[in-house]
Amino acid sequence: ADQARSFLGFAQIVAQVDSLRTRIERSAVMEFIKTATEPVYDFSKDSARLIKRCNKPDRREYTKIAVRTALGFVVMGFIGFFVKLIFIPINNIIIGG
């Protein structure tokens, strides 16, 4: 009778440990899932907030942006052209030597 009682106590302890281990494993899995999905959730939340705050530019603002962008392209093109213009004679002197 004593052995049966001690075996039942041992079985209960084993069941409690197994239950605790299962809860720990579940919480670890849940923590991993939360850690993996939290950045994606935060990014989507921030993106939605940004989209809501953005507004479509009016005609004046759009033309201002377009003109400045075109001016930037022209300036960069001239810089590239003059650099190439300067290096053509230098390249001929070095190679044609």
N, C-alpha and C. Protein backbone atom coordinates (compact mmCIF):
# COMPACT_ATOMS: atom_id res chain seq x y z
N ALA A 1 0.82 -1.19 0.00
CA ALA A 1 0.00 0.00 0.00
C ALA A 1 0.87 1.25 0.00
N ASP A 2 1.98 1.18 0.78
CA ASP A 2 2.89 2.31 0.82
C ASP A 2 3.55 2.54 -0.53
N GLN A 3 3.93 1.43 -1.17
CA GLN A 3 4.57 1.55 -2.48
C GLN A 3 3.58 2.10 -3.52
N ALA A 4 2.33 1.66 -3.44
CA ALA A 4 1.32 2.14 -4.38
C ALA A 4 1.09 3.63 -4.19
N ARG A 5 1.04 4.06 -2.91
CA ARG A 5 0.86 5.48 -2.62
C ARG A 5 2.05 6.29 -3.12
N SER A 6 3.27 5.80 -2.88
CA SER A 6 4.45 6.53 -3.33
C SER A 6 4.53 6.54 -4.86
N PHE A 7 4.08 5.43 -5.49
CA PHE A 7 4.08 5.40 -6.96
C PHE A 7 3.08 6.41 -7.51
N LEU A 8 1.90 6.51 -6.85
CA LEU A 8 0.90 7.49 -7.30
C LEU A 8 1.42 8.91 -7.09
N GLY A 9 2.12 9.15 -5.99
CA GLY A 9 2.72 10.47 -5.76
C GLY A 9 3.77 10.78 -6.81
N PHE A 10 4.58 9.77 -7.13
CA PHE A 10 5.60 9.94 -8.17
C PHE A 10 4.95 10.20 -9.53
N ALA A 11 3.87 9.48 -9.82
CA ALA A 11 3.16 9.65 -11.10
C ALA A 11 2.57 11.06 -11.18
N GLN A 12 2.05 11.56 -10.06
CA GLN A 12 1.52 12.91 -10.05
C GLN A 12 2.62 13.94 -10.28
N ILE A 13 3.76 13.72 -9.66
CA ILE A 13 4.90 14.63 -9.85
C ILE A 13 5.34 14.63 -11.31
N VAL A 14 5.43 13.42 -11.89
CA VAL A 14 5.83 13.31 -13.30
C VAL A 14 4.81 14.01 -14.18
N ALA A 15 3.52 13.87 -13.88
CA ALA A 15 2.49 14.52 -14.68
C ALA A 15 2.58 16.04 -14.54
N GLN A 16 2.85 16.52 -13.33
CA GLN A 16 2.99 17.96 -13.12
C GLN A 16 4.20 18.51 -13.87
N VAL A 17 5.32 17.77 -13.79
CA VAL A 17 6.53 18.20 -14.50
C VAL A 17 6.28 18.21 -16.00
N ASP A 18 5.60 17.17 -16.50
CA ASP A 18 5.31 17.09 -17.93
C ASP A 18 4.39 18.24 -18.35
N SER A 19 3.40 18.54 -17.52
CA SER A 19 2.50 19.65 -17.81
C SER A 19 3.25 20.98 -17.80
N LEU A 20 4.13 21.14 -16.82
CA LEU A 20 4.93 22.36 -16.74
C LEU A 20 5.85 22.50 -17.96
N ARG A 21 6.47 21.38 -18.36
CA ARG A 21 7.35 21.41 -19.53
C ARG A 21 6.56 21.77 -20.78
N THR A 22 5.36 21.24 -20.92
CA THR A 22 4.52 21.56 -22.07
C THR A 22 4.17 23.04 -22.08
N ARG A 23 3.81 23.58 -20.89
CA ARG A 23 3.50 25.01 -20.81
C ARG A 23 4.72 25.87 -21.15
N ILE A 24 5.89 25.46 -20.67
CA ILE A 24 7.12 26.21 -20.97
C ILE A 24 7.41 26.16 -22.46
N GLU A 25 7.26 24.98 -23.07
CA GLU A 25 7.50 24.85 -24.51
C GLU A 25 6.51 25.71 -25.29
N ARG A 26 5.24 25.70 -24.87
CA ARG A 26 4.25 26.52 -25.56
C ARG A 26 4.58 28.00 -25.42
N SER A 27 4.96 28.42 -24.22
CA SER A 27 5.28 29.83 -24.04
C SER A 27 6.53 30.20 -24.82
N ALA A 28 7.49 29.28 -24.93
CA ALA A 28 8.69 29.55 -25.73
C ALA A 28 8.33 29.68 -27.20
N VAL A 29 7.45 28.81 -27.66
CA VAL A 29 7.01 28.88 -29.06
C VAL A 29 6.25 30.18 -29.30
N MET A 30 5.37 30.52 -28.37
CA MET A 30 4.62 31.76 -28.52
C MET A 30 5.54 32.98 -28.49
N GLU A 31 6.55 32.94 -27.63
CA GLU A 31 7.52 34.03 -27.56
C GLU A 31 8.29 34.14 -28.88
N PHE A 32 8.67 33.00 -29.45
CA PHE A 32 9.38 33.00 -30.73
C PHE A 32 8.49 33.57 -31.83
N ILE A 33 7.23 33.15 -31.85
CA ILE A 33 6.31 33.65 -32.87
C ILE A 33 6.12 35.16 -32.71
N LYS A 34 5.97 35.60 -31.46
CA LYS A 34 5.80 37.03 -31.21
C LYS A 34 7.04 37.80 -31.63
N THR A 35 8.22 37.26 -31.31
CA THR A 35 9.47 37.92 -31.69
C THR A 35 9.61 37.98 -33.21
N ALA A 36 9.16 36.94 -33.90
CA ALA A 36 9.31 36.90 -35.36
C ALA A 36 8.30 37.80 -36.06
N THR A 37 7.10 37.92 -35.51
CA THR A 37 6.06 38.68 -36.22
C THR A 37 5.93 40.12 -35.77
N GLU A 38 6.48 40.47 -34.62
CA GLU A 38 6.33 41.83 -34.10
C GLU A 38 6.94 42.89 -35.02
N PRO A 39 8.16 42.69 -35.57
CA PRO A 39 8.69 43.72 -36.49
C PRO A 39 7.83 43.91 -37.74
N VAL A 40 7.30 42.82 -38.26
CA VAL A 40 6.44 42.92 -39.45
C VAL A 40 5.17 43.70 -39.11
N TYR A 41 4.59 43.41 -37.96
CA TYR A 41 3.38 44.12 -37.52
C TYR A 41 3.67 45.60 -37.32
N ASP A 42 4.78 45.92 -36.65
CA ASP A 42 5.13 47.32 -36.42
C ASP A 42 5.37 48.05 -37.74
N PHE A 43 6.07 47.39 -38.68
CA PHE A 43 6.34 48.00 -39.97
C PHE A 43 5.04 48.28 -40.72
N SER A 44 4.11 47.31 -40.71
CA SER A 44 2.86 47.52 -41.43
C SER A 44 2.03 48.62 -40.77
N LYS A 45 2.06 48.69 -39.44
CA LYS A 45 1.33 49.73 -38.73
C LYS A 45 1.91 51.11 -39.05
N ASP A 46 3.25 51.22 -39.03
CA ASP A 46 3.89 52.49 -39.36
C ASP A 46 3.64 52.88 -40.82
N SER A 47 3.67 51.89 -41.71
CA SER A 47 3.42 52.18 -43.13
C SER A 47 2.00 52.68 -43.34
N ALA A 48 1.04 52.06 -42.68
CA ALA A 48 -0.35 52.51 -42.82
C ALA A 48 -0.50 53.93 -42.28
N ARG A 49 0.16 54.24 -41.19
CA ARG A 49 0.10 55.60 -40.64
C ARG A 49 0.71 56.60 -41.61
N LEU A 50 1.83 56.22 -42.25
CA LEU A 50 2.47 57.11 -43.22
C LEU A 50 1.56 57.35 -44.43
N ILE A 51 0.95 56.29 -44.93
CA ILE A 51 0.06 56.43 -46.09
C ILE A 51 -1.13 57.34 -45.75
N LYS A 52 -1.65 57.21 -44.53
CA LYS A 52 -2.78 58.06 -44.14
C LYS A 52 -2.37 59.52 -44.04
N ARG A 53 -1.14 59.78 -43.63
CA ARG A 53 -0.69 61.17 -43.46
C ARG A 53 -0.27 61.81 -44.78
N CYS A 54 0.12 61.00 -45.75
CA CYS A 54 0.57 61.55 -47.04
C CYS A 54 -0.62 62.12 -47.80
N ASN A 55 -0.34 63.15 -48.58
CA ASN A 55 -1.39 63.69 -49.43
C ASN A 55 -0.84 63.86 -50.83
N LYS A 56 -1.74 63.87 -51.78
CA LYS A 56 -1.36 64.00 -53.18
C LYS A 56 -0.94 65.44 -53.44
N PRO A 57 0.21 65.64 -54.12
CA PRO A 57 0.64 67.02 -54.38
C PRO A 57 -0.29 67.72 -55.37
N ASP A 58 -0.47 69.01 -55.16
CA ASP A 58 -1.28 69.77 -56.11
C ASP A 58 -0.43 70.10 -57.34
N ARG A 59 -1.03 70.75 -58.31
CA ARG A 59 -0.35 71.01 -59.59
C ARG A 59 0.91 71.85 -59.40
N ARG A 60 0.84 72.88 -58.57
CA ARG A 60 1.99 73.76 -58.35
C ARG A 60 3.15 73.01 -57.71
N GLU A 61 2.83 72.23 -56.69
CA GLU A 61 3.88 71.46 -56.01
C GLU A 61 4.50 70.41 -56.94
N TYR A 62 3.65 69.76 -57.74
CA TYR A 62 4.14 68.75 -58.68
C TYR A 62 5.06 69.36 -59.73
N THR A 63 4.67 70.51 -60.29
CA THR A 63 5.53 71.14 -61.30
C THR A 63 6.85 71.61 -60.67
N LYS A 64 6.81 72.09 -59.44
CA LYS A 64 8.03 72.50 -58.76
C LYS A 64 8.99 71.31 -58.60
N ILE A 65 8.45 70.17 -58.19
CA ILE A 65 9.28 68.97 -58.04
C ILE A 65 9.82 68.51 -59.39
N ALA A 66 8.98 68.53 -60.41
CA ALA A 66 9.40 68.09 -61.75
C ALA A 66 10.49 69.00 -62.31
N VAL A 67 10.35 70.31 -62.14
CA VAL A 67 11.35 71.25 -62.65
C VAL A 67 12.68 71.05 -61.93
N ARG A 68 12.64 70.91 -60.62
CA ARG A 68 13.89 70.71 -59.87
C ARG A 68 14.55 69.39 -60.22
N THR A 69 13.78 68.36 -60.45
CA THR A 69 14.35 67.08 -60.86
C THR A 69 14.99 67.19 -62.24
N ALA A 70 14.30 67.83 -63.17
CA ALA A 70 14.86 68.01 -64.51
C ALA A 70 16.13 68.87 -64.46
N LEU A 71 16.13 69.90 -63.64
CA LEU A 71 17.31 70.74 -63.49
C LEU A 71 18.49 69.93 -62.93
N GLY A 72 18.20 69.05 -62.00
CA GLY A 72 19.25 68.18 -61.46
C GLY A 72 19.83 67.27 -62.53
N PHE A 73 18.96 66.71 -63.39
CA PHE A 73 19.44 65.87 -64.49
C PHE A 73 20.33 66.66 -65.43
N VAL A 74 19.92 67.88 -65.77
CA VAL A 74 20.69 68.72 -66.69
C VAL A 74 22.05 69.07 -66.09
N VAL A 75 22.08 69.47 -64.82
CA VAL A 75 23.34 69.82 -64.16
C VAL A 75 24.27 68.62 -64.12
N MET A 76 23.74 67.45 -63.74
CA MET A 76 24.60 66.26 -63.69
C MET A 76 25.09 65.88 -65.09
N GLY A 77 24.25 66.08 -66.11
CA GLY A 77 24.68 65.81 -67.48
C GLY A 77 25.82 66.72 -67.91
N PHE A 78 25.71 68.02 -67.60
CA PHE A 78 26.79 68.95 -67.94
C PHE A 78 28.08 68.62 -67.19
N ILE A 79 27.95 68.25 -65.93
CA ILE A 79 29.15 67.88 -65.17
C ILE A 79 29.82 66.67 -65.82
N GLY A 80 29.03 65.67 -66.17
CA GLY A 80 29.59 64.49 -66.85
C GLY A 80 30.20 64.84 -68.19
N PHE A 81 29.55 65.73 -68.95
CA PHE A 81 30.07 66.14 -70.25
C PHE A 81 31.41 66.85 -70.11
N PHE A 82 31.51 67.79 -69.17
CA PHE A 82 32.77 68.52 -69.00
C PHE A 82 33.89 67.64 -68.45
N VAL A 83 33.56 66.71 -67.58
CA VAL A 83 34.59 65.77 -67.10
C VAL A 83 35.10 64.94 -68.27
N LYS A 84 34.21 64.44 -69.08
CA LYS A 84 34.61 63.66 -70.26
C LYS A 84 35.42 64.54 -71.22
N LEU A 85 35.01 65.80 -71.42
CA LEU A 85 35.70 66.72 -72.31
C LEU A 85 37.13 66.99 -71.83
N ILE A 86 37.31 67.08 -70.51
CA ILE A 86 38.64 67.32 -69.96
C ILE A 86 39.52 66.08 -70.06
N PHE A 87 38.93 64.89 -69.84
CA PHE A 87 39.74 63.68 -69.80
C PHE A 87 40.05 63.10 -71.18
N ILE A 88 39.37 63.52 -72.24
CA ILE A 88 39.69 63.01 -73.58
C ILE A 88 41.11 63.41 -73.98
N PRO A 89 41.51 64.69 -73.90
CA PRO A 89 42.89 65.03 -74.25
C PRO A 89 43.91 64.38 -73.30
N ILE A 90 43.60 64.33 -72.00
CA ILE A 90 44.53 63.70 -71.07
C ILE A 90 44.71 62.22 -71.40
N ASN A 91 43.63 61.57 -71.75
CA ASN A 91 43.69 60.14 -72.11
C ASN A 91 44.50 59.96 -73.41
N ASN A 92 44.33 60.86 -74.37
CA ASN A 92 45.11 60.78 -75.62
C ASN A 92 46.59 61.01 -75.37
N ILE A 93 46.91 61.90 -74.45
CA ILE A 93 48.32 62.14 -74.13
C ILE A 93 48.93 60.92 -73.47
N ILE A 94 48.21 60.31 -72.57
CA ILE A 94 48.76 59.15 -71.85
C ILE A 94 48.86 57.95 -72.78
N ILE A 95 47.84 57.66 -73.56
CA ILE A 95 47.84 56.47 -74.42
C ILE A 95 48.59 56.74 -75.72
N GLY A 96 48.35 57.89 -76.34
CA GLY A 96 48.95 58.19 -77.63
C GLY A 96 50.43 58.51 -77.52
N GLY A 97 50.85 58.87 -76.32
CA GLY A 97 52.12 59.26 -75.89
C GLY A 97 53.27 59.38 -76.71
